[in-house]
PDB file of all heavy atoms in Angstrom:
ATOM      1  N   LEU A   1       0.873  -1.198   0.063  1.00  0.00           N
ATOM      2  CA  LEU A   1      -0.017   0.030  -0.062  1.00  0.00           C
ATOM      3  C   LEU A   1       0.857   1.267  -0.026  1.00  0.00           C
ATOM      4  O   LEU A   1       1.893   1.387   0.687  1.00  0.00           O
ATOM      5  CB  LEU A   1      -0.953   0.117   1.210  1.00  0.00           C
ATOM      6  CG  LEU A   1      -1.981  -1.038   1.387  1.00  0.00           C
ATOM      7  CD1 LEU A   1      -2.710  -0.898   2.682  1.00  0.00           C
ATOM      8  CD2 LEU A   1      -2.980  -0.796   0.216  1.00  0.00           C
ATOM      9  N   SER A   2       0.453   2.289  -0.820  1.00  0.00           N
ATOM     10  CA  SER A   2       1.145   3.516  -0.769  1.00  0.00           C
ATOM     11  C   SER A   2       0.744   4.312   0.490  1.00  0.00           C
ATOM     12  O   SER A   2      -0.288   3.873   1.192  1.00  0.00           O
ATOM     13  CB  SER A   2       0.702   4.337  -2.002  1.00  0.00           C
ATOM     14  OG  SER A   2      -0.583   4.727  -1.968  1.00  0.00           O
ATOM     15  N   ASP A   3       1.428   5.337   0.871  1.00  0.00           N
ATOM     16  CA  ASP A   3       1.066   6.145   1.977  1.00  0.00           C
ATOM     17  C   ASP A   3      -0.404   6.678   1.867  1.00  0.00           C
ATOM     18  O   ASP A   3      -1.153   6.727   2.761  1.00  0.00           O
ATOM     19  CB  ASP A   3       2.089   7.161   2.220  1.00  0.00           C
ATOM     20  CG  ASP A   3       3.399   6.738   2.671  1.00  0.00           C
ATOM     21  OD1 ASP A   3       3.513   5.586   3.233  1.00  0.00           O
ATOM     22  OD2 ASP A   3       4.417   7.500   2.630  1.00  0.00           O
ATOM     23  N   ARG A   4      -0.600   7.073   0.574  1.00  0.00           N
ATOM     24  CA  ARG A   4      -1.954   7.651   0.243  1.00  0.00           C
ATOM     25  C   ARG A   4      -3.037   6.738   0.550  1.00  0.00           C
ATOM     26  O   ARG A   4      -4.088   6.941   1.175  1.00  0.00           O
ATOM     27  CB  ARG A   4      -1.972   8.078  -1.201  1.00  0.00           C
ATOM     28  CG  ARG A   4      -3.375   8.509  -1.771  1.00  0.00           C
ATOM     29  CD  ARG A   4      -3.893   9.788  -1.097  1.00  0.00           C
ATOM     30  NE  ARG A   4      -4.987  10.246  -1.904  1.00  0.00           N
ATOM     31  CZ  ARG A   4      -6.037  11.060  -1.386  1.00  0.00           C
ATOM     32  NH1 ARG A   4      -5.812  11.413  -0.069  1.00  0.00           N
ATOM     33  NH2 ARG A   4      -6.969  11.517  -2.121  1.00  0.00           N
ATOM     34  N   GLU A   5      -2.764   5.438   0.114  1.00  0.00           N
ATOM     35  CA  GLU A   5      -3.844   4.298   0.224  1.00  0.00           C
ATOM     36  C   GLU A   5      -3.961   3.943   1.732  1.00  0.00           C
ATOM     37  O   GLU A   5      -5.097   3.657   2.190  1.00  0.00           O
ATOM     38  CB  GLU A   5      -3.370   3.187  -0.634  1.00  0.00           C
ATOM     39  CG  GLU A   5      -3.455   3.301  -2.068  1.00  0.00           C
ATOM     40  CD  GLU A   5      -2.793   2.260  -2.880  1.00  0.00           C
ATOM     41  OE1 GLU A   5      -2.007   1.506  -2.367  1.00  0.00           O
ATOM     42  OE2 GLU A   5      -3.082   2.249  -4.053  1.00  0.00           O
ATOM     43  N   LYS A   6      -2.822   3.953   2.435  1.00  0.00           N
ATOM     44  CA  LYS A   6      -3.014   3.622   3.903  1.00  0.00           C
ATOM     45  C   LYS A   6      -3.764   4.733   4.536  1.00  0.00           C
ATOM     46  O   LYS A   6      -4.646   4.375   5.436  1.00  0.00           O
ATOM     47  CB  LYS A   6      -1.584   3.646   4.494  1.00  0.00           C
ATOM     48  CG  LYS A   6      -0.765   2.374   4.094  1.00  0.00           C
ATOM     49  CD  LYS A   6       0.703   2.431   4.788  1.00  0.00           C
ATOM     50  CE  LYS A   6       1.507   1.272   4.268  1.00  0.00           C
ATOM     51  NZ  LYS A   6       2.877   1.411   4.775  1.00  0.00           N
ATOM     52  N   PHE A   7      -3.604   5.989   4.324  1.00  0.00           N
ATOM     53  CA  PHE A   7      -4.381   7.015   4.891  1.00  0.00           C
ATOM     54  C   PHE A   7      -5.839   6.819   4.617  1.00  0.00           C
ATOM     55  O   PHE A   7      -6.653   6.962   5.517  1.00  0.00           O
ATOM     56  CB  PHE A   7      -3.986   8.385   4.359  1.00  0.00           C
ATOM     57  CG  PHE A   7      -4.870   9.488   4.713  1.00  0.00           C
ATOM     58  CD1 PHE A   7      -4.869  10.068   5.980  1.00  0.00           C
ATOM     59  CD2 PHE A   7      -5.740  10.002   3.804  1.00  0.00           C
ATOM     60  CE1 PHE A   7      -5.647  11.082   6.362  1.00  0.00           C
ATOM     61  CE2 PHE A   7      -6.674  10.957   4.213  1.00  0.00           C
ATOM     62  CZ  PHE A   7      -6.600  11.508   5.403  1.00  0.00           C
ATOM     63  N   LEU A   8      -6.249   6.580   3.321  1.00  0.00           N
ATOM     64  CA  LEU A   8      -7.525   6.509   2.912  1.00  0.00           C
ATOM     65  C   LEU A   8      -8.286   5.340   3.760  1.00  0.00           C
ATOM     66  O   LEU A   8      -9.446   5.439   4.080  1.00  0.00           O
ATOM     67  CB  LEU A   8      -7.789   6.196   1.438  1.00  0.00           C
ATOM     68  CG  LEU A   8      -7.340   7.436   0.532  1.00  0.00           C
ATOM     69  CD1 LEU A   8      -7.349   7.041  -0.949  1.00  0.00           C
ATOM     70  CD2 LEU A   8      -8.256   8.661   0.760  1.00  0.00           C
ATOM     71  N   LEU A   9      -7.536   4.186   3.825  1.00  0.00           N
ATOM     72  CA  LEU A   9      -8.215   3.052   4.440  1.00  0.00           C
ATOM     73  C   LEU A   9      -8.262   3.085   5.989  1.00  0.00           C
ATOM     74  O   LEU A   9      -9.165   2.512   6.539  1.00  0.00           O
ATOM     75  CB  LEU A   9      -7.476   1.811   4.022  1.00  0.00           C
ATOM     76  CG  LEU A   9      -7.694   1.394   2.527  1.00  0.00           C
ATOM     77  CD1 LEU A   9      -6.745   0.193   2.204  1.00  0.00           C
ATOM     78  CD2 LEU A   9      -9.054   1.072   2.242  1.00  0.00           C
ATOM     79  N   ASN A  10      -7.269   3.769   6.640  1.00  0.00           N
ATOM     80  CA  ASN A  10      -7.152   3.778   8.015  1.00  0.00           C
ATOM     81  C   ASN A  10      -7.416   4.985   8.745  1.00  0.00           C
ATOM     82  O   ASN A  10      -7.944   5.035   9.872  1.00  0.00           O
ATOM     83  CB  ASN A  10      -5.719   3.387   8.421  1.00  0.00           C
ATOM     84  CG  ASN A  10      -5.370   1.914   8.125  1.00  0.00           C
ATOM     85  OD1 ASN A  10      -6.016   0.968   8.528  1.00  0.00           O
ATOM     86  ND2 ASN A  10      -4.350   1.692   7.333  1.00  0.00           N
ATOM     87  N   ASP A  11      -7.293   6.147   8.172  1.00  0.00           N
ATOM     88  CA  ASP A  11      -7.338   7.459   8.827  1.00  0.00           C
ATOM     89  C   ASP A  11      -8.330   8.477   8.319  1.00  0.00           C
ATOM     90  O   ASP A  11      -8.742   9.432   8.900  1.00  0.00           O
ATOM     91  CB  ASP A  11      -6.004   8.095   8.904  1.00  0.00           C
ATOM     92  CG  ASP A  11      -5.047   7.263   9.691  1.00  0.00           C
ATOM     93  OD1 ASP A  11      -5.320   6.777  10.766  1.00  0.00           O
ATOM     94  OD2 ASP A  11      -3.840   7.079   9.133  1.00  0.00           O
ATOM     95  N   SER A  12      -8.687   8.194   7.049  1.00  0.00           N
ATOM     96  CA  SER A  12      -9.746   9.162   6.329  1.00  0.00           C
ATOM     97  C   SER A  12     -11.066   9.035   7.169  1.00  0.00           C
ATOM     98  O   SER A  12     -11.532   8.054   7.555  1.00  0.00           O
ATOM     99  CB  SER A  12      -9.943   8.728   4.947  1.00  0.00           C
ATOM    100  OG  SER A  12     -10.950   9.502   4.358  1.00  0.00           O
ATOM    101  N   LYS A  13     -11.610  10.231   7.298  1.00  0.00           N
ATOM    102  CA  LYS A  13     -13.064  10.299   7.895  1.00  0.00           C
ATOM    103  C   LYS A  13     -14.095  10.154   6.799  1.00  0.00           C
ATOM    104  O   LYS A  13     -15.320   9.888   7.227  1.00  0.00           O
ATOM    105  CB  LYS A  13     -13.205  11.662   8.570  1.00  0.00           C
ATOM    106  CG  LYS A  13     -12.253  11.913   9.695  1.00  0.00           C
ATOM    107  CD  LYS A  13     -12.566  13.238  10.307  1.00  0.00           C
ATOM    108  CE  LYS A  13     -11.687  13.449  11.562  1.00  0.00           C
ATOM    109  NZ  LYS A  13     -11.973  14.816  12.256  1.00  0.00           N
ATOM    110  N   TYR A  14     -13.756  10.192   5.538  1.00  0.00           N
ATOM    111  CA  TYR A  14     -14.806  10.161   4.540  1.00  0.00           C
ATOM    112  C   TYR A  14     -14.562   9.112   3.372  1.00  0.00           C
ATOM    113  O   TYR A  14     -15.561   8.773   2.810  1.00  0.00           O
ATOM    114  CB  TYR A  14     -14.878  11.606   3.869  1.00  0.00           C
ATOM    115  CG  TYR A  14     -15.195  12.646   4.973  1.00  0.00           C
ATOM    116  CD1 TYR A  14     -14.178  13.702   5.181  1.00  0.00           C
ATOM    117  CD2 TYR A  14     -16.398  12.668   5.591  1.00  0.00           C
ATOM    118  CE1 TYR A  14     -14.383  14.617   6.114  1.00  0.00           C
ATOM    119  CE2 TYR A  14     -16.655  13.692   6.529  1.00  0.00           C
ATOM    120  CZ  TYR A  14     -15.646  14.620   6.724  1.00  0.00           C
ATOM    121  OH  TYR A  14     -15.864  15.590   7.721  1.00  0.00           O
ATOM    122  N   PHE A  15     -13.397   8.575   3.184  1.00  0.00           N
ATOM    123  CA  PHE A  15     -13.098   7.614   2.113  1.00  0.00           C
ATOM    124  C   PHE A  15     -13.927   6.302   2.353  1.00  0.00           C
ATOM    125  O   PHE A  15     -13.927   5.796   3.387  1.00  0.00           O
ATOM    126  CB  PHE A  15     -11.706   7.424   1.880  1.00  0.00           C
ATOM    127  CG  PHE A  15     -11.454   6.321   0.840  1.00  0.00           C
ATOM    128  CD1 PHE A  15     -11.590   6.737  -0.515  1.00  0.00           C
ATOM    129  CD2 PHE A  15     -11.069   5.063   1.106  1.00  0.00           C
ATOM    130  CE1 PHE A  15     -11.406   5.789  -1.597  1.00  0.00           C
ATOM    131  CE2 PHE A  15     -10.893   4.108   0.103  1.00  0.00           C
ATOM    132  CZ  PHE A  15     -11.012   4.543  -1.252  1.00  0.00           C
ATOM    133  N   CYS A  16     -14.474   5.796   1.307  1.00  0.00           N
ATOM    134  CA  CYS A  16     -15.151   4.559   1.266  1.00  0.00           C
ATOM    135  C   CYS A  16     -14.947   3.849  -0.072  1.00  0.00           C
ATOM    136  O   CYS A  16     -15.074   4.504  -1.102  1.00  0.00           O
ATOM    137  CB  CYS A  16     -16.650   4.749   1.548  1.00  0.00           C
ATOM    138  SG  CYS A  16     -17.724   3.282   1.591  1.00  0.00           S
ATOM    139  N   THR A  17     -14.693   2.513  -0.010  1.00  0.00           N
ATOM    140  CA  THR A  17     -14.404   1.782  -1.239  1.00  0.00           C
ATOM    141  C   THR A  17     -15.541   1.556  -2.058  1.00  0.00           C
ATOM    142  O   THR A  17     -15.632   1.201  -3.295  1.00  0.00           O
ATOM    143  CB  THR A  17     -13.718   0.466  -0.988  1.00  0.00           C
ATOM    144  OG1 THR A  17     -14.549  -0.343  -0.158  1.00  0.00           O
ATOM    145  CG2 THR A  17     -12.348   0.655  -0.359  1.00  0.00           C
ATOM    146  N   LEU A  18     -16.801   1.639  -1.498  1.00  0.00           N
ATOM    147  CA  LEU A  18     -18.012   1.265  -2.109  1.00  0.00           C
ATOM    148  C   LEU A  18     -18.268   1.909  -3.429  1.00  0.00           C
ATOM    149  O   LEU A  18     -18.796   1.331  -4.409  1.00  0.00           O
ATOM    150  CB  LEU A  18     -19.208   1.335  -1.231  1.00  0.00           C
ATOM    151  CG  LEU A  18     -19.213   0.288  -0.031  1.00  0.00           C
ATOM    152  CD1 LEU A  18     -20.407   0.410   0.909  1.00  0.00           C
ATOM    153  CD2 LEU A  18     -18.911  -1.043  -0.416  1.00  0.00           C
ATOM    154  N   PRO A  19     -18.161   3.198  -3.568  1.00  0.00           N
ATOM    155  CA  PRO A  19     -18.424   3.920  -4.910  1.00  0.00           C
ATOM    156  C   PRO A  19     -17.600   3.364  -6.016  1.00  0.00           C
ATOM    157  O   PRO A  19     -17.853   3.734  -7.172  1.00  0.00           O
ATOM    158  CB  PRO A  19     -18.204   5.403  -4.562  1.00  0.00           C
ATOM    159  CG  PRO A  19     -18.492   5.465  -3.082  1.00  0.00           C
ATOM    160  CD  PRO A  19     -17.874   4.269  -2.528  1.00  0.00           C
ATOM    161  N   TRP A  20     -16.539   2.615  -5.753  1.00  0.00           N
ATOM    162  CA  TRP A  20     -15.735   2.013  -6.709  1.00  0.00           C
ATOM    163  C   TRP A  20     -16.006   0.543  -6.860  1.00  0.00           C
ATOM    164  O   TRP A  20     -15.316  -0.126  -7.780  1.00  0.00           O
ATOM    165  CB  TRP A  20     -14.240   2.128  -6.335  1.00  0.00           C
ATOM    166  CG  TRP A  20     -13.682   3.557  -6.557  1.00  0.00           C
ATOM    167  CD1 TRP A  20     -12.934   3.954  -7.741  1.00  0.00           C
ATOM    168  CD2 TRP A  20     -13.771   4.679  -5.677  1.00  0.00           C
ATOM    169  NE1 TRP A  20     -12.646   5.262  -7.501  1.00  0.00           N
ATOM    170  CE2 TRP A  20     -13.089   5.731  -6.356  1.00  0.00           C
ATOM    171  CE3 TRP A  20     -14.372   4.862  -4.413  1.00  0.00           C
ATOM    172  CZ2 TRP A  20     -12.999   6.924  -5.730  1.00  0.00           C
ATOM    173  CZ3 TRP A  20     -14.216   6.158  -3.788  1.00  0.00           C
ATOM    174  CH2 TRP A  20     -13.594   7.173  -4.507  1.00  0.00           C
ATOM    175  N   THR A  21     -16.834  -0.070  -6.146  1.00  0.00           N
ATOM    176  CA  THR A  21     -17.044  -1.495  -6.158  1.00  0.00           C
ATOM    177  C   THR A  21     -18.575  -1.903  -6.187  1.00  0.00           C
ATOM    178  O   THR A  21     -18.869  -3.095  -6.332  1.00  0.00           O
ATOM    179  CB  THR A  21     -16.347  -2.180  -4.880  1.00  0.00           C
ATOM    180  OG1 THR A  21     -16.934  -1.649  -3.717  1.00  0.00           O
ATOM    181  CG2 THR A  21     -14.942  -1.915  -4.841  1.00  0.00           C
ATOM    182  N   HIS A  22     -19.513  -1.008  -6.100  1.00  0.00           N
ATOM    183  CA  HIS A  22     -20.820  -1.369  -5.686  1.00  0.00           C
ATOM    184  C   HIS A  22     -21.894  -0.307  -6.103  1.00  0.00           C
ATOM    185  O   HIS A  22     -21.544   0.874  -6.196  1.00  0.00           O
ATOM    186  CB  HIS A  22     -20.804  -1.440  -4.084  1.00  0.00           C
ATOM    187  CG  HIS A  22     -22.012  -1.606  -3.387  1.00  0.00           C
ATOM    188  ND1 HIS A  22     -22.775  -2.727  -3.500  1.00  0.00           N
ATOM    189  CD2 HIS A  22     -22.704  -0.750  -2.567  1.00  0.00           C
ATOM    190  CE1 HIS A  22     -23.877  -2.535  -2.795  1.00  0.00           C
ATOM    191  NE2 HIS A  22     -23.831  -1.476  -2.165  1.00  0.00           N
ATOM    192  N   LEU A  23     -23.102  -0.827  -6.288  1.00  0.00           N
ATOM    193  CA  LEU A  23     -24.282   0.026  -6.357  1.00  0.00           C
ATOM    194  C   LEU A  23     -25.365  -0.699  -5.541  1.00  0.00           C
ATOM    195  O   LEU A  23     -25.353  -1.888  -5.331  1.00  0.00           O
ATOM    196  CB  LEU A  23     -24.757   0.085  -7.809  1.00  0.00           C
ATOM    197  CG  LEU A  23     -24.141   1.142  -8.743  1.00  0.00           C
ATOM    198  CD1 LEU A  23     -24.646   0.965 -10.132  1.00  0.00           C
ATOM    199  CD2 LEU A  23     -24.319   2.573  -8.216  1.00  0.00           C
ATOM    200  N   HIS A  24     -26.309   0.176  -5.125  1.00  0.00           N
ATOM    201  CA  HIS A  24     -27.483  -0.284  -4.370  1.00  0.00           C
ATOM    202  C   HIS A  24     -28.590   0.230  -5.096  1.00  0.00           C
ATOM    203  O   HIS A  24     -28.690   1.448  -5.448  1.00  0.00           O
ATOM    204  CB  HIS A  24     -27.326   0.220  -2.888  1.00  0.00           C
ATOM    205  CG  HIS A  24     -28.568  -0.036  -2.165  1.00  0.00           C
ATOM    206  ND1 HIS A  24     -29.033  -1.342  -1.748  1.00  0.00           N
ATOM    207  CD2 HIS A  24     -29.575   0.765  -1.587  1.00  0.00           C
ATOM    208  CE1 HIS A  24     -30.123  -1.223  -1.010  1.00  0.00           C
ATOM    209  NE2 HIS A  24     -30.527   0.088  -1.023  1.00  0.00           N
ATOM    210  N   ALA A  25     -29.659  -0.622  -5.049  1.00  0.00           N
ATOM    211  CA  ALA A  25     -31.120  -0.126  -5.505  1.00  0.00           C
ATOM    212  C   ALA A  25     -32.199  -0.562  -4.604  1.00  0.00           C
ATOM    213  O   ALA A  25     -32.154  -1.671  -4.220  1.00  0.00           O
ATOM    214  CB  ALA A  25     -31.278  -0.573  -6.948  1.00  0.00           C
ATOM    215  N   TYR A  26     -33.116   0.415  -4.361  1.00  0.00           N
ATOM    216  CA  TYR A  26     -34.359   0.039  -3.644  1.00  0.00           C
ATOM    217  C   TYR A  26     -35.273  -0.756  -4.483  1.00  0.00           C
ATOM    218  O   TYR A  26     -35.092  -0.826  -5.728  1.00  0.00           O
ATOM    219  CB  TYR A  26     -35.036   1.452  -3.346  1.00  0.00           C
ATOM    220  CG  TYR A  26     -34.646   2.116  -2.120  1.00  0.00           C
ATOM    221  CD1 TYR A  26     -33.292   1.816  -1.429  1.00  0.00           C
ATOM    222  CD2 TYR A  26     -35.321   3.141  -1.530  1.00  0.00           C
ATOM    223  CE1 TYR A  26     -32.940   2.653  -0.401  1.00  0.00           C
ATOM    224  CE2 TYR A  26     -34.910   3.826  -0.458  1.00  0.00           C
ATOM    225  CZ  TYR A  26     -33.749   3.562   0.158  1.00  0.00           C
ATOM    226  OH  TYR A  26     -33.377   4.250   1.229  1.00  0.00           O
ATOM    227  N   PRO A  27     -36.217  -1.427  -3.928  1.00  0.00           N
ATOM    228  CA  PRO A  27     -37.214  -2.120  -4.759  1.00  0.00           C
ATOM    229  C   PRO A  27     -38.007  -1.292  -5.662  1.00  0.00           C
ATOM    230  O   PRO A  27     -38.582  -1.833  -6.651  1.00  0.00           O
ATOM    231  CB  PRO A  27     -38.187  -2.725  -3.613  1.00  0.00           C
ATOM    232  CG  PRO A  27     -37.335  -2.849  -2.412  1.00  0.00           C
ATOM    233  CD  PRO A  27     -36.451  -1.589  -2.436  1.00  0.00           C
ATOM    234  N   ASN A  28     -38.038   0.036  -5.517  1.00  0.00           N
ATOM    235  CA  ASN A  28     -38.660   0.876  -6.399  1.00  0.00           C
ATOM    236  C   ASN A  28     -37.746   1.426  -7.507  1.00  0.00           C
ATOM    237  O   ASN A  28     -38.197   2.339  -8.386  1.00  0.00           O
ATOM    238  CB  ASN A  28     -39.375   2.026  -5.732  1.00  0.00           C
ATOM    239  CG  ASN A  28     -38.442   3.028  -5.019  1.00  0.00           C
ATOM    240  OD1 ASN A  28     -37.160   2.797  -5.047  1.00  0.00           O
ATOM    241  ND2 ASN A  28     -38.890   4.069  -4.413  1.00  0.00           N
ATOM    242  N   GLY A  29     -36.553   0.972  -7.517  1.00  0.00           N
ATOM    243  CA  GLY A  29     -35.535   1.346  -8.537  1.00  0.00           C
ATOM    244  C   GLY A  29     -34.643   2.467  -8.160  1.00  0.00           C
ATOM    245  O   GLY A  29     -33.653   2.732  -8.837  1.00  0.00           O
ATOM    246  N   ALA A  30     -34.989   3.257  -7.100  1.00  0.00           N
ATOM    247  CA  ALA A  30     -34.169   4.308  -6.692  1.00  0.00           C
ATOM    248  C   ALA A  30     -32.700   3.840  -6.372  1.00  0.00           C
ATOM    249  O   ALA A  30     -32.532   2.819  -5.650  1.00  0.00           O
ATOM    250  CB  ALA A  30     -34.688   5.074  -5.494  1.00  0.00           C
ATOM    251  N   ALA A  31     -31.624   4.387  -6.935  1.00  0.00           N
ATOM    252  CA  ALA A  31     -30.268   3.930  -6.846  1.00  0.00           C
ATOM    253  C   ALA A  31     -29.445   4.713  -5.947  1.00  0.00           C
ATOM    254  O   ALA A  31     -29.622   5.996  -5.872  1.00  0.00           O
ATOM    255  CB  ALA A  31     -29.639   3.817  -8.191  1.00  0.00           C
ATOM    256  N   TYR A  32     -28.500   4.137  -5.220  1.00  0.00           N
ATOM    257  CA  TYR A  32     -27.708   4.829  -4.185  1.00  0.00           C
ATOM    258  C   TYR A  32     -26.277   4.232  -4.197  1.00  0.00           C
ATOM    259  O   TYR A  32     -26.106   3.049  -4.660  1.00  0.00           O
ATOM    260  CB  TYR A  32     -28.380   4.699  -2.850  1.00  0.00           C
ATOM    261  CG  TYR A  32     -29.649   5.258  -2.648  1.00  0.00           C
ATOM    262  CD1 TYR A  32     -30.810   4.522  -2.959  1.00  0.00           C
ATOM    263  CD2 TYR A  32     -29.857   6.612  -2.285  1.00  0.00           C
ATOM    264  CE1 TYR A  32     -32.056   5.001  -2.798  1.00  0.00           C
ATOM    265  CE2 TYR A  32     -31.133   7.166  -2.142  1.00  0.00           C
ATOM    266  CZ  TYR A  32     -32.244   6.324  -2.403  1.00  0.00           C
ATOM    267  OH  TYR A  32     -33.511   6.847  -2.312  1.00  0.00           O
ATOM    268  N   PRO A  33     -25.305   4.891  -3.613  1.00  0.00           N
ATOM    269  CA  PRO A  33     -23.989   4.313  -3.482  1.00  0.00           C
ATOM    270  C   PRO A  33     -23.925   3.164  -2.518  1.00  0.00           C
ATOM    271  O   PRO A  33     -23.109   2.289  -2.644  1.00  0.00           O
ATOM    272  CB  PRO A  33     -23.112   5.445  -3.017  1.00  0.00           C
ATOM    273  CG  PRO A  33     -24.112   6.382  -2.313  1.00  0.00           C
ATOM    274  CD  PRO A  33     -25.336   6.353  -3.112  1.00  0.00           C
ATOM    275  N   CYS A  34     -24.847   3.047  -1.519  1.00  0.00           N
ATOM    276  CA  CYS A  34     -25.020   1.939  -0.710  1.00  0.00           C
ATOM    277  C   CYS A  34     -26.386   2.060  -0.011  1.00  0.00           C
ATOM    278  O   CYS A  34     -27.024   2.876  -0.170  1.00  0.00           O
ATOM    279  CB  CYS A  34     -23.801   1.860   0.363  1.00  0.00           C
ATOM    280  SG  CYS A  34     -24.132   2.974   1.701  1.00  0.00           S
ATOM    281  N   CYS A  35     -26.587   0.884   0.786  1.00  0.00           N
ATOM    282  CA  CYS A  35     -27.965   0.729   1.431  1.00  0.00           C
ATOM    283  C   CYS A  35     -28.129   1.852   2.596  1.00  0.00           C
ATOM    284  O   CYS A  35     -29.274   1.977   3.042  1.00  0.00           O
ATOM    285  CB  CYS A  35     -28.141  -0.546   1.978  1.00  0.00           C
ATOM    286  SG  CYS A  35     -27.081  -1.133   3.259  1.00  0.00           S
ATOM    287  N   LEU A  36     -27.096   2.407   2.980  1.00  0.00           N
ATOM    288  CA  LEU A  36     -27.210   3.283   4.225  1.00  0.00           C
ATOM    289  C   LEU A  36     -27.218   4.748   3.720  1.00  0.00           C
ATOM    290  O   LEU A  36     -27.430   5.672   4.560  1.00  0.00           O
ATOM    291  CB  LEU A  36     -26.014   3.084   5.225  1.00  0.00           C
ATOM    292  CG  LEU A  36     -26.278   3.329   6.640  1.00  0.00           C
ATOM    293  CD1 LEU A  36     -27.457   2.431   7.115  1.00  0.00           C
ATOM    294  CD2 LEU A  36     -25.001   3.222   7.478  1.00  0.00           C
ATOM    295  N   ALA A  37     -27.118   4.987   2.428  1.00  0.00           N
ATOM    296  CA  ALA A  37     -27.218   6.281   1.986  1.00  0.00           C
ATOM    297  C   ALA A  37     -28.529   6.931   2.211  1.00  0.00           C
ATOM    298  O   ALA A  37     -29.552   6.332   2.190  1.00  0.00           O
ATOM    299  CB  ALA A  37     -26.870   6.312   0.427  1.00  0.00           C
ATOM    300  N   LYS A  38     -28.535   8.280   2.361  1.00  0.00           N
ATOM    301  CA  LYS A  38     -29.779   8.990   2.739  1.00  0.00           C
ATOM    302  C   LYS A  38     -30.791   8.895   1.517  1.00  0.00           C
ATOM    303  O   LYS A  38     -30.422   9.172   0.392  1.00  0.00           O
ATOM    304  CB  LYS A  38     -29.469  10.475   2.988  1.00  0.00           C
ATOM    305  CG  LYS A  38     -28.668  10.700   4.158  1.00  0.00           C
ATOM    306  CD  LYS A  38     -29.573  10.705   5.525  1.00  0.00           C
ATOM    307  CE  LYS A  38     -30.357  11.910   5.640  1.00  0.00           C
ATOM    308  NZ  LYS A  38     -31.144  11.966   6.930  1.00  0.00           N
ATOM    309  N   HIS A  39     -32.045   8.344   1.856  1.00  0.00           N
ATOM    310  CA  HIS A  39     -32.941   8.162   0.846  1.00  0.00           C
ATOM    311  C   HIS A  39     -33.417   9.365   0.064  1.00  0.00           C
ATOM    312  O   HIS A  39     -33.840   9.270  -0.997  1.00  0.00           O
ATOM    313  CB  HIS A  39     -34.180   7.429   1.354  1.00  0.00           C
ATOM    314  CG  HIS A  39     -35.119   8.201   2.255  1.00  0.00           C
ATOM    315  ND1 HIS A  39     -35.988   9.132   1.819  1.00  0.00           N
ATOM    316  CD2 HIS A  39     -35.046   8.423   3.561  1.00  0.00           C
ATOM    317  CE1 HIS A  39     -36.594   9.695   2.823  1.00  0.00           C
ATOM    318  NE2 HIS A  39     -36.100   9.413   3.928  1.00  0.00           N
ATOM    319  N   GLU A  40     -33.168  10.548   0.592  1.00  0.00           N
ATOM    320  CA  GLU A  40     -33.492  11.772  -0.013  1.00  0.00           C
ATOM    321  C   GLU A  40     -32.572  12.136  -1.280  1.00  0.00           C
ATOM    322  O   GLU A  40     -32.964  12.973  -2.120  1.00  0.00           O
ATOM    323  CB  GLU A  40     -33.434  12.933   0.949  1.00  0.00           C
ATOM    324  CG  GLU A  40     -34.345  12.771   2.133  1.00  0.00           C
ATOM    325  CD  GLU A  40     -33.870  12.302   3.357  1.00  0.00           C
ATOM    326  OE1 GLU A  40     -32.788  11.563   3.152  1.00  0.00           O
ATOM    327  OE2 GLU A  40     -34.294  12.527   4.458  1.00  0.00           O
TER     328      GLU A  40
END
């Protein structure tokens, strides 16, 4: 891991891998970056 990658995975308050690996969709089709994203 680079220093940048170590920071993102261990110390960042906001970085999350999910927007690079994942999509989420409600049963009505509404799509989000993950299931915990604000429904608004």
